[in-house]
PDB file of N, CA and C in Angstrom:
ATOM      1  N   UNK A   1     116.953  97.976 100.346  1.00  0.00           N
ATOM      2  CA  UNK A   1     116.681  98.740 101.538  1.00  0.00           C
ATOM      3  C   UNK A   1     117.044  97.896 102.745  1.00  0.00           C
ATOM      4  N   UNK A   2     117.766  98.471 103.677  1.00  0.00           N
ATOM      5  CA  UNK A   2     118.150  97.775 104.902  1.00  0.00           C
ATOM      6  C   UNK A   2     117.060  97.993 105.940  1.00  0.00           C
ATOM      7  N   UNK A   3     116.193  97.006 106.087  1.00  0.00           N
ATOM      8  CA  UNK A   3     115.081  97.156 107.026  1.00  0.00           C
ATOM      9  C   UNK A   3     115.449  96.735 108.447  1.00  0.00           C
ATOM     10  N   UNK A   4     116.684  96.285 108.659  1.00  0.00           N
ATOM     11  CA  UNK A   4     117.073  95.802 109.981  1.00  0.00           C
ATOM     12  C   UNK A   4     117.050  96.890 111.053  1.00  0.00           C
ATOM     13  N   UNK A   5     117.106  98.140 110.636  1.00  0.00           N
ATOM     14  CA  UNK A   5     117.083  99.254 111.586  1.00  0.00           C
ATOM     15  C   UNK A   5     115.684  99.846 111.739  1.00  0.00           C
ATOM     16  N   UNK A   6     114.738  99.273 111.066  1.00  0.00           N
ATOM     17  CA  UNK A   6     113.362  99.773 111.112  1.00  0.00           C
ATOM     18  C   UNK A   6     112.569  99.038 112.183  1.00  0.00           C
ATOM     19  N   UNK A   7     111.379  99.539 112.478  1.00  0.00           N
ATOM     20  CA  UNK A   7     110.544  98.947 113.516  1.00  0.00           C
ATOM     21  C   UNK A   7     110.081  97.547 113.112  1.00  0.00           C
ATOM     22  N   UNK A   8     109.859  96.685 114.104  1.00  0.00           N
ATOM     23  CA  UNK A   8     109.512  95.272 113.871  1.00  0.00           C
ATOM     24  C   UNK A   8     108.240  95.121 113.030  1.00  0.00           C
ATOM     25  N   UNK A   9     107.152  95.852 113.291  1.00  0.00           N
ATOM     26  CA  UNK A   9     105.967  95.684 112.437  1.00  0.00           C
ATOM     27  C   UNK A   9     106.262  95.955 110.964  1.00  0.00           C
ATOM     28  N   UNK A  10     107.115  96.947 110.700  1.00  0.00           N
ATOM     29  CA  UNK A  10     107.491  97.231 109.313  1.00  0.00           C
ATOM     30  C   UNK A  10     108.271  96.055 108.731  1.00  0.00           C
ATOM     31  N   UNK A  11     109.218  95.518 109.501  1.00  0.00           N
ATOM     32  CA  UNK A  11     110.009  94.385 109.029  1.00  0.00           C
ATOM     33  C   UNK A  11     109.102  93.208 108.668  1.00  0.00           C
ATOM     34  N   UNK A  12     108.102  92.950 109.502  1.00  0.00           N
ATOM     35  CA  UNK A  12     107.168  91.848 109.214  1.00  0.00           C
ATOM     36  C   UNK A  12     106.339  92.154 107.973  1.00  0.00           C
ATOM     37  N   UNK A  13     105.935  93.417 107.831  1.00  0.00           N
ATOM     38  CA  UNK A  13     105.095  93.810 106.698  1.00  0.00           C
ATOM     39  C   UNK A  13     105.798  93.599 105.364  1.00  0.00           C
ATOM     40  N   UNK A  14     107.107  93.830 105.326  1.00  0.00           N
ATOM     41  CA  UNK A  14     107.820  93.706 104.056  1.00  0.00           C
ATOM     42  C   UNK A  14     108.542  92.370 103.889  1.00  0.00           C
ATOM     43  N   UNK A  15     108.473  91.512 104.919  1.00  0.00           N
ATOM     44  CA  UNK A  15     109.041  90.174 104.773  1.00  0.00           C
ATOM     45  C   UNK A  15     110.507  90.043 105.124  1.00  0.00           C
ATOM     46  N   UNK A  16     111.024  90.913 105.983  1.00  0.00           N
ATOM     47  CA  UNK A  16     112.424  90.829 106.393  1.00  0.00           C
ATOM     48  C   UNK A  16     112.700  89.469 107.026  1.00  0.00           C
ATOM     49  N   UNK A  17     113.786  88.839 106.605  1.00  0.00           N
ATOM     50  CA  UNK A  17     114.213  87.576 107.190  1.00  0.00           C
ATOM     51  C   UNK A  17     113.627  86.333 106.543  1.00  0.00           C
ATOM     52  N   UNK A  18     112.697  86.503 105.619  1.00  0.00           N
ATOM     53  CA  UNK A  18     112.117  85.340 104.945  1.00  0.00           C
ATOM     54  C   UNK A  18     113.061  84.825 103.870  1.00  0.00           C
ATOM     55  N   UNK A  19     112.965  83.538 103.584  1.00  0.00           N
ATOM     56  CA  UNK A  19     113.704  82.997 102.446  1.00  0.00           C
ATOM     57  C   UNK A  19     113.081  83.576 101.180  1.00  0.00           C
ATOM     58  N   UNK A  20     113.832  83.587 100.065  1.00  0.00           N
ATOM     59  CA  UNK A  20     113.241  84.099  98.813  1.00  0.00           C
ATOM     60  C   UNK A  20     111.943  83.375  98.443  1.00  0.00           C
ATOM     61  N   UNK A  21     111.901  82.071  98.664  1.00  0.00           N
ATOM     62  CA  UNK A  21     110.700  81.294  98.322  1.00  0.00           C
ATOM     63  C   UNK A  21     109.517  81.724  99.182  1.00  0.00           C
ATOM     64  N   UNK A  22     109.741  81.832 100.497  1.00  0.00           N
ATOM     65  CA  UNK A  22     108.663  82.236 101.404  1.00  0.00           C
ATOM     66  C   UNK A  22     108.215  83.667 101.101  1.00  0.00           C
ATOM     67  N   UNK A  23     109.171  84.543 100.786  1.00  0.00           N
ATOM     68  CA  UNK A  23     108.845  85.930 100.454  1.00  0.00           C
ATOM     69  C   UNK A  23     107.925  85.989  99.239  1.00  0.00           C
ATOM     70  N   UNK A  24     108.313  85.308  98.156  1.00  0.00           N
ATOM     71  CA  UNK A  24     107.502  85.342  96.933  1.00  0.00           C
ATOM     72  C   UNK A  24     106.139  84.702  97.150  1.00  0.00           C
ATOM     73  N   UNK A  25     106.076  83.642  97.944  1.00  0.00           N
ATOM     74  CA  UNK A  25     104.798  83.004  98.252  1.00  0.00           C
ATOM     75  C   UNK A  25     103.882  83.979  98.984  1.00  0.00           C
ATOM     76  N   UNK A  26     104.412  84.688  99.990  1.00  0.00           N
ATOM     77  CA  UNK A  26     103.593  85.625 100.761  1.00  0.00           C
ATOM     78  C   UNK A  26     103.211  86.852  99.931  1.00  0.00           C
ATOM     79  N   UNK A  27     104.100  87.306  99.059  1.00  0.00           N
ATOM     80  CA  UNK A  27     103.762  88.421  98.162  1.00  0.00           C
ATOM     81  C   UNK A  27     102.652  87.998  97.209  1.00  0.00           C
ATOM     82  N   UNK A  28     102.805  86.839  96.579  1.00  0.00           N
ATOM     83  CA  UNK A  28     101.816  86.362  95.609  1.00  0.00           C
ATOM     84  C   UNK A  28     100.450  86.128  96.235  1.00  0.00           C
ATOM     85  N   UNK A  29     100.430  85.723  97.516  1.00  0.00           N
ATOM     86  CA  UNK A  29      99.172  85.475  98.211  1.00  0.00           C
ATOM     87  C   UNK A  29      98.684  86.700  98.985  1.00  0.00           C
ATOM     88  N   UNK A  30      99.369  87.833  98.773  1.00  0.00           N
ATOM     89  CA  UNK A  30      99.007  89.113  99.391  1.00  0.00           C
ATOM     90  C   UNK A  30      98.965  89.046 100.919  1.00  0.00           C
ATOM     91  N   UNK A  31      99.841  88.210 101.494  1.00  0.00           N
ATOM     92  CA  UNK A  31      99.968  88.124 102.948  1.00  0.00           C
ATOM     93  C   UNK A  31     100.856  89.257 103.452  1.00  0.00           C
ATOM     94  N   UNK A  32     101.886  89.596 102.669  1.00  0.00           N
ATOM     95  CA  UNK A  32     102.723  90.750 102.946  1.00  0.00           C
ATOM     96  C   UNK A  32     102.688  91.653 101.720  1.00  0.00           C
ATOM     97  N   UNK A  33     103.059  92.914 101.931  1.00  0.00           N
ATOM     98  CA  UNK A  33     102.968  93.874 100.828  1.00  0.00           C
ATOM     99  C   UNK A  33     104.303  94.184 100.190  1.00  0.00           C
ATOM    100  N   UNK A  34     105.400  93.897 100.895  1.00  0.00           N
ATOM    101  CA  UNK A  34     106.677  94.369 100.401  1.00  0.00           C
ATOM    102  C   UNK A  34     106.730  95.873 100.589  1.00  0.00           C
ATOM    103  N   UNK A  35     107.749  96.513 100.041  1.00  0.00           N
ATOM    104  CA  UNK A  35     107.894  97.960 100.184  1.00  0.00           C
ATOM    105  C   UNK A  35     106.993  98.650  99.188  1.00  0.00           C
ATOM    106  N   UNK A  36     106.151  99.524  99.669  1.00  0.00           N
ATOM    107  CA  UNK A  36     105.242 100.258  98.784  1.00  0.00           C
ATOM    108  C   UNK A  36     105.438 101.754  98.978  1.00  0.00           C
ATOM    109  N   UNK A  37     105.074 102.500  98.006  1.00  0.00           N
ATOM    110  CA  UNK A  37     105.110 103.951  98.124  1.00  0.00           C
ATOM    111  C   UNK A  37     105.950 104.625  97.059  1.00  0.00           C
ATOM    112  N   UNK A  38     107.155 104.129  96.812  1.00  0.00           N
ATOM    113  CA  UNK A  38     108.035 104.792  95.847  1.00  0.00           C
ATOM    114  C   UNK A  38     107.434 104.747  94.441  1.00  0.00           C
ATOM    115  N   UNK A  39     107.004 103.587  94.024  1.00  0.00           N
ATOM    116  CA  UNK A  39     106.431 103.451  92.686  1.00  0.00           C
ATOM    117  C   UNK A  39     105.184 104.326  92.537  1.00  0.00           C
ATOM    118  N   UNK A  40     104.346 104.339  93.565  1.00  0.00           N
ATOM    119  CA  UNK A  40     103.155 105.165  93.512  1.00  0.00           C
ATOM    120  C   UNK A  40     103.520 106.645  93.404  1.00  0.00           C
ATOM    121  N   UNK A  41     104.529 107.062  94.159  1.00  0.00           N
ATOM    122  CA  UNK A  41     104.972 108.457  94.109  1.00  0.00           C
ATOM    123  C   UNK A  41     105.519 108.824  92.734  1.00  0.00           C
ATOM    124  N   UNK A  42     106.318 107.930  92.169  1.00  0.00           N
ATOM    125  CA  UNK A  42     106.878 108.182  90.839  1.00  0.00           C
ATOM    126  C   UNK A  42     105.764 108.310  89.802  1.00  0.00           C
ATOM    127  N   UNK A  43     104.749 107.461  89.908  1.00  0.00           N
ATOM    128  CA  UNK A  43     103.639 107.525  88.960  1.00  0.00           C
ATOM    129  C   UNK A  43     102.827 108.808  89.114  1.00  0.00           C
ATOM    130  N   UNK A  44     102.672 109.294  90.351  1.00  0.00           N
ATOM    131  CA  UNK A  44     101.959 110.553  90.567  1.00  0.00           C
ATOM    132  C   UNK A  44     102.724 111.710  89.935  1.00  0.00           C
ATOM    133  N   UNK A  45     104.043 111.739  90.140  1.00  0.00           N
ATOM    134  CA  UNK A  45     104.860 112.806  89.554  1.00  0.00           C
ATOM    135  C   UNK A  45     104.793 112.739  88.031  1.00  0.00           C
ATOM    136  N   UNK A  46     104.947 111.542  87.472  1.00  0.00           N
ATOM    137  CA  UNK A  46     104.912 111.386  86.015  1.00  0.00           C
ATOM    138  C   UNK A  46     103.562 111.829  85.455  1.00  0.00           C
ATOM    139  N   UNK A  47     102.492 111.446  86.127  1.00  0.00           N
ATOM    140  CA  UNK A  47     101.160 111.842  85.660  1.00  0.00           C
ATOM    141  C   UNK A  47     100.997 113.360  85.708  1.00  0.00           C
ATOM    142  N   UNK A  48     101.473 113.982  86.776  1.00  0.00           N
ATOM    143  CA  UNK A  48     101.385 115.427  86.905  1.00  0.00           C
ATOM    144  C   UNK A  48     102.153 116.165  85.827  1.00  0.00           C
ATOM    145  N   UNK A  49     103.254 115.567  85.377  1.00  0.00           N
ATOM    146  CA  UNK A  49     104.067 116.169  84.321  1.00  0.00           C
ATOM    147  C   UNK A  49     103.595 115.786  82.924  1.00  0.00           C
ATOM    148  N   UNK A  50     102.613 114.875  82.870  1.00  0.00           N
ATOM    149  CA  UNK A  50     102.133 114.416  81.576  1.00  0.00           C
ATOM    150  C   UNK A  50     103.091 113.454  80.893  1.00  0.00           C
ATOM    151  N   UNK A  51     103.923 112.784  81.699  1.00  0.00           N
ATOM    152  CA  UNK A  51     104.904 111.847  81.158  1.00  0.00           C
ATOM    153  C   UNK A  51     104.364 110.435  81.168  1.00  0.00           C
ATOM    154  N   UNK A  52     104.788 109.641  80.180  1.00  0.00           N
ATOM    155  CA  UNK A  52     104.525 108.210  80.169  1.00  0.00           C
ATOM    156  C   UNK A  52     105.851 107.526  80.475  1.00  0.00           C
ATOM    157  N   UNK A  53     105.876 106.693  81.510  1.00  0.00           N
ATOM    158  CA  UNK A  53     107.110 106.032  81.902  1.00  0.00           C
ATOM    159  C   UNK A  53     107.400 104.842  81.008  1.00  0.00           C
ATOM    160  N   UNK A  54     108.683 104.648  80.675  1.00  0.00           N
ATOM    161  CA  UNK A  54     109.097 103.491  79.887  1.00  0.00           C
ATOM    162  C   UNK A  54     109.153 102.237  80.762  1.00  0.00           C
ATOM    163  N   UNK A  55     109.660 102.400  81.976  1.00  0.00           N
ATOM    164  CA  UNK A  55     109.791 101.289  82.916  1.00  0.00           C
ATOM    165  C   UNK A  55     109.558 101.819  84.317  1.00  0.00           C
ATOM    166  N   UNK A  56     109.367 100.916  85.287  1.00  0.00           N
ATOM    167  CA  UNK A  56     109.170 101.308  86.677  1.00  0.00           C
ATOM    168  C   UNK A  56     110.163 100.549  87.553  1.00  0.00           C
ATOM    169  N   UNK A  57     111.122 101.310  88.180  1.00  0.00           N
ATOM    170  CA  UNK A  57     112.075 100.712  89.113  1.00  0.00           C
ATOM    171  C   UNK A  57     112.697 101.837  89.935  1.00  0.00           C
ATOM    172  N   UNK A  58     113.686 101.546  90.769  1.00  0.00           N
ATOM    173  CA  UNK A  58     114.261 102.545  91.677  1.00  0.00           C
ATOM    174  C   UNK A  58     115.384 103.338  91.026  1.00  0.00           C
ATOM    175  N   UNK A  59     115.262 103.621  89.761  1.00  0.00           N
ATOM    176  CA  UNK A  59     116.257 104.400  89.030  1.00  0.00           C
ATOM    177  C   UNK A  59     115.508 105.328  88.087  1.00  0.00           C
ATOM    178  N   UNK A  60     115.954 106.579  88.013  1.00  0.00           N
ATOM    179  CA  UNK A  60     115.302 107.554  87.152  1.00  0.00           C
ATOM    180  C   UNK A  60     116.330 108.100  86.171  1.00  0.00           C
ATOM    181  N   UNK A  61     116.009 108.020  84.892  1.00  0.00           N
ATOM    182  CA  UNK A  61     116.851 108.597  83.845  1.00  0.00           C
ATOM    183  C   UNK A  61     115.972 109.542  83.040  1.00  0.00           C
ATOM    184  N   UNK A  62     116.352 110.820  83.051  1.00  0.00           N
ATOM    185  CA  UNK A  62     115.609 111.826  82.296  1.00  0.00           C
ATOM    186  C   UNK A  62     116.556 112.416  81.271  1.00  0.00           C
ATOM    187  N   UNK A  63     116.179 112.281  80.007  1.00  0.00           N
ATOM    188  CA  UNK A  63     116.988 112.852  78.938  1.00  0.00           C
ATOM    189  C   UNK A  63     116.517 114.269  78.693  1.00  0.00           C
ATOM    190  N   UNK A  64     117.425 115.215  78.858  1.00  0.00           N
ATOM    191  CA  UNK A  64     117.078 116.620  78.699  1.00  0.00           C
ATOM    192  C   UNK A  64     118.330 117.466  78.878  1.00  0.00           C
ATOM    193  N   UNK A  65     118.124 118.711  79.226  1.00  0.00           N
ATOM    194  CA  UNK A  65     119.246 119.613  79.470  1.00  0.00           C
ATOM    195  C   UNK A  65     119.093 120.175  80.868  1.00  0.00           C
ATOM    196  N   UNK A  66     119.860 119.698  81.815  1.00  0.00           N
ATOM    197  CA  UNK A  66     120.860 118.632  81.710  1.00  0.00           C
ATOM    198  C   UNK A  66     120.197 117.260  81.821  1.00  0.00           C
ATOM    199  N   UNK A  67     120.920 116.218  81.412  1.00  0.00           N
ATOM    200  CA  UNK A  67     120.446 114.852  81.623  1.00  0.00           C
ATOM    201  C   UNK A  67     120.503 114.551  83.116  1.00  0.00           C
ATOM    202  N   UNK A  68     119.573 113.751  83.603  1.00  0.00           N
ATOM    203  CA  UNK A  68     119.532 113.365  85.019  1.00  0.00           C
ATOM    204  C   UNK A  68     119.537 111.849  85.107  1.00  0.00           C
ATOM    205  N   UNK A  69     120.402 111.311  85.966  1.00  0.00           N
ATOM    206  CA  UNK A  69     120.446 109.878  86.223  1.00  0.00           C
ATOM    207  C   UNK A  69     120.527 109.694  87.733  1.00  0.00           C
ATOM    208  N   UNK A  70     119.429 109.236  88.340  1.00  0.00           N
ATOM    209  CA  UNK A  70     119.323 109.086  89.785  1.00  0.00           C
ATOM    210  C   UNK A  70     119.058 107.620  90.113  1.00  0.00           C
ATOM    211  N   UNK A  71     119.866 107.053  91.002  1.00  0.00           N
ATOM    212  CA  UNK A  71     119.690 105.673  91.436  1.00  0.00           C
ATOM    213  C   UNK A  71     119.554 105.662  92.947  1.00  0.00           C
ATOM    214  N   UNK A  72     118.445 105.119  93.437  1.00  0.00           N
ATOM    215  CA  UNK A  72     118.210 105.038  94.874  1.00  0.00           C
ATOM    216  C   UNK A  72     118.732 103.682  95.337  1.00  0.00           C
ATOM    217  N   UNK A  73     119.906 103.684  95.951  1.00  0.00           N
ATOM    218  CA  UNK A  73     120.597 102.439  96.263  1.00  0.00           C
ATOM    219  C   UNK A  73     119.995 101.690  97.451  1.00  0.00           C
ATOM    220  N   UNK A  74     119.716 102.354  98.553  1.00  0.00           N
ATOM    221  CA  UNK A  74     119.218 101.655  99.744  1.00  0.00           C
ATOM    222  C   UNK A  74     117.749 101.925 100.005  1.00  0.00           C
ATOM    223  N   UNK A  75     117.031 102.397  99.023  1.00  0.00           N
ATOM    224  CA  UNK A  75     115.621 102.694  99.234  1.00  0.00           C
ATOM    225  C   UNK A  75     115.444 104.012  99.964  1.00  0.00           C
ATOM    226  N   UNK A  76     114.209 104.379 100.177  1.00  0.00           N
ATOM    227  CA  UNK A  76     113.872 105.610 100.878  1.00  0.00           C
ATOM    228  C   UNK A  76     113.242 105.226 102.210  1.00  0.00           C
ATOM    229  N   UNK A  77     113.755 105.751 103.296  1.00  0.00           N
ATOM    230  CA  UNK A  77     113.198 105.487 104.617  1.00  0.00           C
ATOM    231  C   UNK A  77     111.785 106.060 104.639  1.00  0.00           C
ATOM    232  N   UNK A  78     110.785 105.201 104.797  1.00  0.00           N
ATOM    233  CA  UNK A  78     109.390 105.608 104.683  1.00  0.00           C
ATOM    234  C   UNK A  78     108.972 106.702 105.643  1.00  0.00           C
ATOM    235  N   UNK A  79     109.406 106.605 106.912  1.00  0.00           N
ATOM    236  CA  UNK A  79     109.006 107.615 107.892  1.00  0.00           C
ATOM    237  C   UNK A  79     109.590 108.976 107.535  1.00  0.00           C
ATOM    238  N   UNK A  80     110.857 109.004 107.128  1.00  0.00           N
ATOM    239  CA  UNK A  80     111.490 110.265 106.730  1.00  0.00           C
ATOM    240  C   UNK A  80     110.827 110.803 105.463  1.00  0.00           C
ATOM    241  N   UNK A  81     110.540 109.918 104.523  1.00  0.00           N
ATOM    242  CA  UNK A  81     109.862 110.336 103.294  1.00  0.00           C
ATOM    243  C   UNK A  81     108.485 110.918 103.577  1.00  0.00           C
ATOM    244  N   UNK A  82     107.752 110.291 104.487  1.00  0.00           N
ATOM    245  CA  UNK A  82     106.415 110.771 104.841  1.00  0.00           C
ATOM    246  C   UNK A  82     106.492 112.173 105.446  1.00  0.00           C
ATOM    247  N   UNK A  83     107.457 112.381 106.335  1.00  0.00           N
ATOM    248  CA  UNK A  83     107.630 113.706 106.942  1.00  0.00           C
ATOM    249  C   UNK A  83     107.985 114.736 105.870  1.00  0.00           C
ATOM    250  N   UNK A  84     108.883 114.375 104.953  1.00  0.00           N
ATOM    251  CA  UNK A  84     109.288 115.305 103.895  1.00  0.00           C
ATOM    252  C   UNK A  84     108.093 115.702 103.031  1.00  0.00           C
ATOM    253  N   UNK A  85     107.265 114.741 102.677  1.00  0.00           N
ATOM    254  CA  UNK A  85     106.081 115.045 101.862  1.00  0.00           C
ATOM    255  C   UNK A  85     105.148 115.971 102.630  1.00  0.00           C
ATOM    256  N   UNK A  86     104.924 115.669 103.896  1.00  0.00           N
ATOM    257  CA  UNK A  86     104.021 116.489 104.710  1.00  0.00           C
ATOM    258  C   UNK A  86     104.525 117.924 104.812  1.00  0.00           C
ATOM    259  N   UNK A  87     105.790 118.093 105.148  1.00  0.00           N
ATOM    260  CA  UNK A  87     106.367 119.429 105.293  1.00  0.00           C
ATOM    261  C   UNK A  87     106.321 120.200 103.976  1.00  0.00           C
ATOM    262  N   UNK A  88     106.623 119.524 102.876  1.00  0.00           N
ATOM    263  CA  UNK A  88     106.639 120.201 101.581  1.00  0.00           C
ATOM    264  C   UNK A  88     105.239 120.479 101.037  1.00  0.00           C
ATOM    265  N   UNK A  89     104.236 119.882 101.651  1.00  0.00           N
ATOM    266  CA  UNK A  89     102.852 120.128 101.238  1.00  0.00           C
ATOM    267  C   UNK A  89     102.252 121.335 101.948  1.00  0.00           C
ATOM    268  N   UNK A  90     102.827 121.729 103.065  1.00  0.00           N
ATOM    269  CA  UNK A  90     102.279 122.829 103.869  1.00  0.00           C
ATOM    270  C   UNK A  90     102.065 124.095 103.053  1.00  0.00           C
ATOM    271  N   UNK A  91     103.037 124.584 102.265  1.00  0.00           N
ATOM    272  CA  UNK A  91     102.789 125.818 101.490  1.00  0.00           C
ATOM    273  C   UNK A  91     101.591 125.729 100.554  1.00  0.00           C
ATOM    274  N   UNK A  92     101.369 124.562  99.972  1.00  0.00           N
ATOM    275  CA  UNK A  92     100.226 124.415  99.054  1.00  0.00           C
ATOM    276  C   UNK A  92      98.913 124.392  99.822  1.00  0.00           C
ATOM    277  N   UNK A  93      98.951 123.811 101.044  1.00  0.00           N
ATOM    278  CA  UNK A  93      97.731 123.747 101.857  1.00  0.00           C
ATOM    279  C   UNK A  93      97.351 125.120 102.396  1.00  0.00           C
ATOM    280  N   UNK A  94      98.363 125.935 102.685  1.00  0.00           N
ATOM    281  CA  UNK A  94      98.095 127.268 103.229  1.00  0.00           C
ATOM    282  C   UNK A  94      97.560 128.147 102.119  1.00  0.00           C
TER     283      UNK A  94
END
């Protein structure tokens, strides 16, 4: 994910600009969170469908008719994703 175009607080939250060593140190000590949300969303969808995931990463392979292979190359822009979830939830809330 290219966080260089995102707001500064977000960049700090996910560790933009840190060396790999500093990034892993801050992640391990829970000083920064890294990018969160996608994995949680995938797990919610899988649970709702009654699926058990084989692995967890930014790629989805579903064997079926038709087969689906989706790879999220640059991540999902969190603000846009949040708006999409909110808008798509409106019919269920009404």
